[in-house]
């Protein structure tokens, strides 16, 4: 198991609202990565699979996504 804490905060849209990725956990080659996110409005901590979250725009880093769903 590998646990990675990103040095740069990455904002994402989650099923619970806008949040930030706090940790990324990888359990091995046959298991999806798990993203631990802190929800901005509530302070709750939730874990999501990659298909459940979407990174948000960040023009500074050249990330201009037309629409997040």
PDB file of N, CA and C in Angstrom:
ATOM      1  N   UNK A   1       0.849  -1.171   0.000  1.00  0.00           N
ATOM      2  CA  UNK A   1       0.000   0.000   0.000  1.00  0.00           C
ATOM      3  C   UNK A   1       0.901   1.243   0.000  1.00  0.00           C
ATOM      4  N   UNK A   2       0.544   2.208  -0.811  1.00  0.00           N
ATOM      5  CA  UNK A   2       1.257   3.481  -0.893  1.00  0.00           C
ATOM      6  C   UNK A   2       0.275   4.603  -0.578  1.00  0.00           C
ATOM      7  N   UNK A   3       0.657   5.508   0.319  1.00  0.00           N
ATOM      8  CA  UNK A   3      -0.157   6.681   0.626  1.00  0.00           C
ATOM      9  C   UNK A   3       0.637   7.905   0.206  1.00  0.00           C
ATOM     10  N   UNK A   4       0.018   8.733  -0.621  1.00  0.00           N
ATOM     11  CA  UNK A   4       0.665   9.923  -1.161  1.00  0.00           C
ATOM     12  C   UNK A   4      -0.102  11.160  -0.714  1.00  0.00           C
ATOM     13  N   UNK A   5       0.605  12.149  -0.173  1.00  0.00           N
ATOM     14  CA  UNK A   5      -0.004  13.424   0.187  1.00  0.00           C
ATOM     15  C   UNK A   5       0.478  14.475  -0.814  1.00  0.00           C
ATOM     16  N   UNK A   6      -0.412  14.953  -1.700  1.00  0.00           N
ATOM     17  CA  UNK A   6       0.003  15.944  -2.700  1.00  0.00           C
ATOM     18  C   UNK A   6       0.557  17.207  -2.031  1.00  0.00           C
ATOM     19  N   UNK A   7       1.622  17.757  -2.604  1.00  0.00           N
ATOM     20  CA  UNK A   7       2.200  18.991  -2.061  1.00  0.00           C
ATOM     21  C   UNK A   7       1.407  20.215  -2.492  1.00  0.00           C
ATOM     22  N   UNK A   8       0.757  20.133  -3.649  1.00  0.00           N
ATOM     23  CA  UNK A   8      -0.109  21.223  -4.121  1.00  0.00           C
ATOM     24  C   UNK A   8      -1.557  20.807  -3.940  1.00  0.00           C
ATOM     25  N   UNK A   9      -2.352  21.715  -3.393  1.00  0.00           N
ATOM     26  CA  UNK A   9      -3.767  21.430  -3.200  1.00  0.00           C
ATOM     27  C   UNK A   9      -4.462  21.325  -4.557  1.00  0.00           C
ATOM     28  N   UNK A  10      -5.251  20.264  -4.743  1.00  0.00           N
ATOM     29  CA  UNK A  10      -6.007  20.076  -5.979  1.00  0.00           C
ATOM     30  C   UNK A  10      -7.489  20.088  -5.640  1.00  0.00           C
ATOM     31  N   UNK A  11      -8.213  21.055  -6.208  1.00  0.00           N
ATOM     32  CA  UNK A  11      -9.648  21.129  -5.971  1.00  0.00           C
ATOM     33  C   UNK A  11     -10.377  20.214  -6.945  1.00  0.00           C
ATOM     34  N   UNK A  12     -11.416  19.568  -6.431  1.00  0.00           N
ATOM     35  CA  UNK A  12     -12.215  18.645  -7.227  1.00  0.00           C
ATOM     36  C   UNK A  12     -13.695  18.847  -6.944  1.00  0.00           C
ATOM     37  N   UNK A  13     -14.507  18.485  -7.930  1.00  0.00           N
ATOM     38  CA  UNK A  13     -15.950  18.392  -7.725  1.00  0.00           C
ATOM     39  C   UNK A  13     -16.247  16.952  -7.344  1.00  0.00           C
ATOM     40  N   UNK A  14     -16.981  16.775  -6.236  1.00  0.00           N
ATOM     41  CA  UNK A  14     -17.331  15.446  -5.747  1.00  0.00           C
ATOM     42  C   UNK A  14     -18.848  15.336  -5.655  1.00  0.00           C
ATOM     43  N   UNK A  15     -19.378  14.148  -5.424  1.00  0.00           N
ATOM     44  CA  UNK A  15     -20.828  14.011  -5.214  1.00  0.00           C
ATOM     45  C   UNK A  15     -21.339  14.807  -4.003  1.00  0.00           C
ATOM     46  N   UNK A  16     -20.457  15.164  -3.071  1.00  0.00           N
ATOM     47  CA  UNK A  16     -20.839  15.929  -1.879  1.00  0.00           C
ATOM     48  C   UNK A  16     -20.534  17.418  -2.011  1.00  0.00           C
ATOM     49  N   UNK A  17     -20.036  17.862  -3.180  1.00  0.00           N
ATOM     50  CA  UNK A  17     -19.715  19.266  -3.384  1.00  0.00           C
ATOM     51  C   UNK A  17     -18.224  19.464  -3.648  1.00  0.00           C
ATOM     52  N   UNK A  18     -17.825  20.720  -3.710  1.00  0.00           N
ATOM     53  CA  UNK A  18     -16.431  21.075  -3.991  1.00  0.00           C
ATOM     54  C   UNK A  18     -15.546  20.681  -2.821  1.00  0.00           C
ATOM     55  N   UNK A  19     -14.402  20.075  -3.141  1.00  0.00           N
ATOM     56  CA  UNK A  19     -13.485  19.652  -2.100  1.00  0.00           C
ATOM     57  C   UNK A  19     -12.046  19.706  -2.571  1.00  0.00           C
ATOM     58  N   UNK A  20     -11.152  19.315  -1.703  1.00  0.00           N
ATOM     59  CA  UNK A  20      -9.724  19.265  -2.003  1.00  0.00           C
ATOM     60  C   UNK A  20      -9.205  17.865  -1.735  1.00  0.00           C
ATOM     61  N   UNK A  21      -8.327  17.388  -2.609  1.00  0.00           N
ATOM     62  CA  UNK A  21      -7.705  16.090  -2.390  1.00  0.00           C
ATOM     63  C   UNK A  21      -6.685  16.229  -1.263  1.00  0.00           C
ATOM     64  N   UNK A  22      -6.808  15.389  -0.265  1.00  0.00           N
ATOM     65  CA  UNK A  22      -5.915  15.425   0.881  1.00  0.00           C
ATOM     66  C   UNK A  22      -4.888  14.297   0.784  1.00  0.00           C
ATOM     67  N   UNK A  23      -5.351  13.080   0.479  1.00  0.00           N
ATOM     68  CA  UNK A  23      -4.472  11.920   0.343  1.00  0.00           C
ATOM     69  C   UNK A  23      -4.885  11.090  -0.868  1.00  0.00           C
ATOM     70  N   UNK A  24      -3.912  10.373  -1.430  1.00  0.00           N
ATOM     71  CA  UNK A  24      -4.176   9.392  -2.471  1.00  0.00           C
ATOM     72  C   UNK A  24      -3.608   8.066  -1.981  1.00  0.00           C
ATOM     73  N   UNK A  25      -4.442   7.038  -1.950  1.00  0.00           N
ATOM     74  CA  UNK A  25      -4.014   5.725  -1.470  1.00  0.00           C
ATOM     75  C   UNK A  25      -4.079   4.728  -2.617  1.00  0.00           C
ATOM     76  N   UNK A  26      -2.980   3.997  -2.794  1.00  0.00           N
ATOM     77  CA  UNK A  26      -2.936   2.958  -3.819  1.00  0.00           C
ATOM     78  C   UNK A  26      -2.676   1.634  -3.117  1.00  0.00           C
ATOM     79  N   UNK A  27      -3.592   0.683  -3.319  1.00  0.00           N
ATOM     80  CA  UNK A  27      -3.505  -0.608  -2.638  1.00  0.00           C
ATOM     81  C   UNK A  27      -2.800  -1.672  -3.465  1.00  0.00           C
ATOM     82  N   UNK A  28      -2.578  -1.423  -4.745  1.00  0.00           N
ATOM     83  CA  UNK A  28      -1.913  -2.408  -5.594  1.00  0.00           C
ATOM     84  C   UNK A  28      -2.408  -2.333  -7.015  1.00  0.00           C
ATOM     85  N   UNK A  29      -1.881  -3.205  -7.850  1.00  0.00           N
ATOM     86  CA  UNK A  29      -2.160  -3.122  -9.285  1.00  0.00           C
ATOM     87  C   UNK A  29      -3.585  -3.494  -9.664  1.00  0.00           C
ATOM     88  N   UNK A  30      -4.270  -4.278  -8.864  1.00  0.00           N
ATOM     89  CA  UNK A  30      -5.615  -4.705  -9.235  1.00  0.00           C
ATOM     90  C   UNK A  30      -6.713  -3.966  -8.474  1.00  0.00           C
ATOM     91  N   UNK A  31      -6.364  -2.864  -7.848  1.00  0.00           N
ATOM     92  CA  UNK A  31      -7.325  -2.068  -7.093  1.00  0.00           C
ATOM     93  C   UNK A  31      -7.194  -0.609  -7.507  1.00  0.00           C
ATOM     94  N   UNK A  32      -8.329   0.069  -7.648  1.00  0.00           N
ATOM     95  CA  UNK A  32      -8.302   1.492  -7.995  1.00  0.00           C
ATOM     96  C   UNK A  32      -7.680   2.325  -6.886  1.00  0.00           C
ATOM     97  N   UNK A  33      -7.115   3.452  -7.279  1.00  0.00           N
ATOM     98  CA  UNK A  33      -6.643   4.421  -6.294  1.00  0.00           C
ATOM     99  C   UNK A  33      -7.850   4.990  -5.549  1.00  0.00           C
ATOM    100  N   UNK A  34      -7.650   5.365  -4.307  1.00  0.00           N
ATOM    101  CA  UNK A  34      -8.692   5.985  -3.506  1.00  0.00           C
ATOM    102  C   UNK A  34      -8.236   7.406  -3.177  1.00  0.00           C
ATOM    103  N   UNK A  35      -9.094   8.386  -3.474  1.00  0.00           N
ATOM    104  CA  UNK A  35      -8.797   9.787  -3.201  1.00  0.00           C
ATOM    105  C   UNK A  35      -9.559  10.219  -1.954  1.00  0.00           C
ATOM    106  N   UNK A  36      -8.831  10.637  -0.935  1.00  0.00           N
ATOM    107  CA  UNK A  36      -9.442  11.146   0.288  1.00  0.00           C
ATOM    108  C   UNK A  36      -9.578  12.650   0.131  1.00  0.00           C
ATOM    109  N   UNK A  37     -10.817  13.140   0.202  1.00  0.00           N
ATOM    110  CA  UNK A  37     -11.112  14.552  -0.060  1.00  0.00           C
ATOM    111  C   UNK A  37     -11.754  15.199   1.158  1.00  0.00           C
ATOM    112  N   UNK A  38     -11.408  16.469   1.366  1.00  0.00           N
ATOM    113  CA  UNK A  38     -12.056  17.274   2.404  1.00  0.00           C
ATOM    114  C   UNK A  38     -13.057  18.179   1.703  1.00  0.00           C
ATOM    115  N   UNK A  39     -14.330  18.092   2.084  1.00  0.00           N
ATOM    116  CA  UNK A  39     -15.388  18.884   1.482  1.00  0.00           C
ATOM    117  C   UNK A  39     -15.347  20.289   2.088  1.00  0.00           C
ATOM    118  N   UNK A  40     -15.277  21.300   1.229  1.00  0.00           N
ATOM    119  CA  UNK A  40     -15.079  22.682   1.681  1.00  0.00           C
ATOM    120  C   UNK A  40     -16.223  23.206   2.546  1.00  0.00           C
ATOM    121  N   UNK A  41     -17.467  22.981   2.151  1.00  0.00           N
ATOM    122  CA  UNK A  41     -18.608  23.557   2.866  1.00  0.00           C
ATOM    123  C   UNK A  41     -18.863  22.924   4.231  1.00  0.00           C
ATOM    124  N   UNK A  42     -18.562  21.641   4.374  1.00  0.00           N
ATOM    125  CA  UNK A  42     -18.927  20.939   5.605  1.00  0.00           C
ATOM    126  C   UNK A  42     -17.750  20.481   6.444  1.00  0.00           C
ATOM    127  N   UNK A  43     -16.557  20.419   5.832  1.00  0.00           N
ATOM    128  CA  UNK A  43     -15.395  19.904   6.547  1.00  0.00           C
ATOM    129  C   UNK A  43     -15.375  18.387   6.643  1.00  0.00           C
ATOM    130  N   UNK A  44     -16.352  17.735   6.039  1.00  0.00           N
ATOM    131  CA  UNK A  44     -16.392  16.271   6.063  1.00  0.00           C
ATOM    132  C   UNK A  44     -15.250  15.699   5.233  1.00  0.00           C
ATOM    133  N   UNK A  45     -14.840  14.495   5.593  1.00  0.00           N
ATOM    134  CA  UNK A  45     -13.816  13.782   4.847  1.00  0.00           C
ATOM    135  C   UNK A  45     -14.467  12.561   4.219  1.00  0.00           C
ATOM    136  N   UNK A  46     -14.314  12.448   2.878  1.00  0.00           N
ATOM    137  CA  UNK A  46     -14.892  11.341   2.128  1.00  0.00           C
ATOM    138  C   UNK A  46     -13.826  10.727   1.241  1.00  0.00           C
ATOM    139  N   UNK A  47     -13.994   9.448   0.929  1.00  0.00           N
ATOM    140  CA  UNK A  47     -13.094   8.765   0.014  1.00  0.00           C
ATOM    141  C   UNK A  47     -13.847   8.446  -1.268  1.00  0.00           C
ATOM    142  N   UNK A  48     -13.163   8.683  -2.413  1.00  0.00           N
ATOM    143  CA  UNK A  48     -13.782   8.492  -3.723  1.00  0.00           C
ATOM    144  C   UNK A  48     -12.872   7.726  -4.657  1.00  0.00           C
ATOM    145  N   UNK A  49     -13.500   7.043  -5.591  1.00  0.00           N
ATOM    146  CA  UNK A  49     -12.766   6.415  -6.687  1.00  0.00           C
ATOM    147  C   UNK A  49     -12.570   7.457  -7.779  1.00  0.00           C
ATOM    148  N   UNK A  50     -11.618   7.250  -8.683  1.00  0.00           N
ATOM    149  CA  UNK A  50     -11.351   8.250  -9.733  1.00  0.00           C
ATOM    150  C   UNK A  50     -12.573   8.623 -10.567  1.00  0.00           C
ATOM    151  N   UNK A  51     -13.460   7.679 -10.840  1.00  0.00           N
ATOM    152  CA  UNK A  51     -14.624   7.972 -11.687  1.00  0.00           C
ATOM    153  C   UNK A  51     -15.645   8.872 -10.991  1.00  0.00           C
ATOM    154  N   UNK A  52     -15.521   9.044  -9.670  1.00  0.00           N
ATOM    155  CA  UNK A  52     -16.499   9.814  -8.909  1.00  0.00           C
ATOM    156  C   UNK A  52     -16.144  11.285  -8.723  1.00  0.00           C
ATOM    157  N   UNK A  53     -14.921  11.669  -9.071  1.00  0.00           N
ATOM    158  CA  UNK A  53     -14.493  13.053  -8.873  1.00  0.00           C
ATOM    159  C   UNK A  53     -13.964  13.641 -10.172  1.00  0.00           C
ATOM    160  N   UNK A  54     -14.006  14.972 -10.266  1.00  0.00           N
ATOM    161  CA  UNK A  54     -13.483  15.688 -11.430  1.00  0.00           C
ATOM    162  C   UNK A  54     -12.679  16.881 -10.961  1.00  0.00           C
ATOM    163  N   UNK A  55     -11.492  17.037 -11.509  1.00  0.00           N
ATOM    164  CA  UNK A  55     -10.628  18.172 -11.181  1.00  0.00           C
ATOM    165  C   UNK A  55     -11.281  19.444 -11.711  1.00  0.00           C
ATOM    166  N   UNK A  56     -11.084  20.564 -11.053  1.00  0.00           N
ATOM    167  CA  UNK A  56     -11.690  21.831 -11.476  1.00  0.00           C
ATOM    168  C   UNK A  56     -10.675  22.689 -12.224  1.00  0.00           C
ATOM    169  N   UNK A  57     -11.174  23.737 -12.864  1.00  0.00           N
ATOM    170  CA  UNK A  57     -10.318  24.643 -13.633  1.00  0.00           C
ATOM    171  C   UNK A  57      -9.226  25.252 -12.768  1.00  0.00           C
ATOM    172  N   UNK A  58      -8.067  25.431 -13.385  1.00  0.00           N
ATOM    173  CA  UNK A  58      -6.977  26.165 -12.766  1.00  0.00           C
ATOM    174  C   UNK A  58      -6.164  26.767 -13.907  1.00  0.00           C
ATOM    175  N   UNK A  59      -6.483  27.990 -14.269  1.00  0.00           N
ATOM    176  CA  UNK A  59      -5.843  28.629 -15.413  1.00  0.00           C
ATOM    177  C   UNK A  59      -4.351  28.842 -15.193  1.00  0.00           C
ATOM    178  N   UNK A  60      -3.924  28.992 -13.941  1.00  0.00           N
ATOM    179  CA  UNK A  60      -2.501  29.150 -13.644  1.00  0.00           C
ATOM    180  C   UNK A  60      -1.707  27.935 -14.119  1.00  0.00           C
ATOM    181  N   UNK A  61      -2.281  26.748 -13.961  1.00  0.00           N
ATOM    182  CA  UNK A  61      -1.616  25.522 -14.371  1.00  0.00           C
ATOM    183  C   UNK A  61      -2.057  25.066 -15.761  1.00  0.00           C
ATOM    184  N   UNK A  62      -2.782  25.920 -16.492  1.00  0.00           N
ATOM    185  CA  UNK A  62      -3.197  25.595 -17.847  1.00  0.00           C
ATOM    186  C   UNK A  62      -4.313  24.568 -17.923  1.00  0.00           C
ATOM    187  N   UNK A  63      -5.095  24.453 -16.866  1.00  0.00           N
ATOM    188  CA  UNK A  63      -6.198  23.488 -16.842  1.00  0.00           C
ATOM    189  C   UNK A  63      -7.496  24.241 -17.033  1.00  0.00           C
ATOM    190  N   UNK A  64      -7.988  24.265 -18.277  1.00  0.00           N
ATOM    191  CA  UNK A  64      -9.214  24.976 -18.616  1.00  0.00           C
ATOM    192  C   UNK A  64     -10.235  23.964 -19.123  1.00  0.00           C
ATOM    193  N   UNK A  65     -10.995  23.416 -18.189  1.00  0.00           N
ATOM    194  CA  UNK A  65     -11.993  22.395 -18.511  1.00  0.00           C
ATOM    195  C   UNK A  65     -13.299  23.109 -18.829  1.00  0.00           C
ATOM    196  N   UNK A  66     -13.891  22.770 -19.961  1.00  0.00           N
ATOM    197  CA  UNK A  66     -15.091  23.473 -20.393  1.00  0.00           C
ATOM    198  C   UNK A  66     -16.248  23.304 -19.411  1.00  0.00           C
ATOM    199  N   UNK A  67     -16.454  22.088 -18.917  1.00  0.00           N
ATOM    200  CA  UNK A  67     -17.588  21.845 -18.023  1.00  0.00           C
ATOM    201  C   UNK A  67     -17.281  20.681 -17.113  1.00  0.00           C
ATOM    202  N   UNK A  68     -17.457  20.863 -15.808  1.00  0.00           N
ATOM    203  CA  UNK A  68     -17.279  19.789 -14.838  1.00  0.00           C
ATOM    204  C   UNK A  68     -18.648  19.203 -14.508  1.00  0.00           C
ATOM    205  N   UNK A  69     -18.766  17.898 -14.612  1.00  0.00           N
ATOM    206  CA  UNK A  69     -20.012  17.212 -14.251  1.00  0.00           C
ATOM    207  C   UNK A  69     -19.730  16.087 -13.312  1.00  0.00           C
TER     208      UNK A  69
END
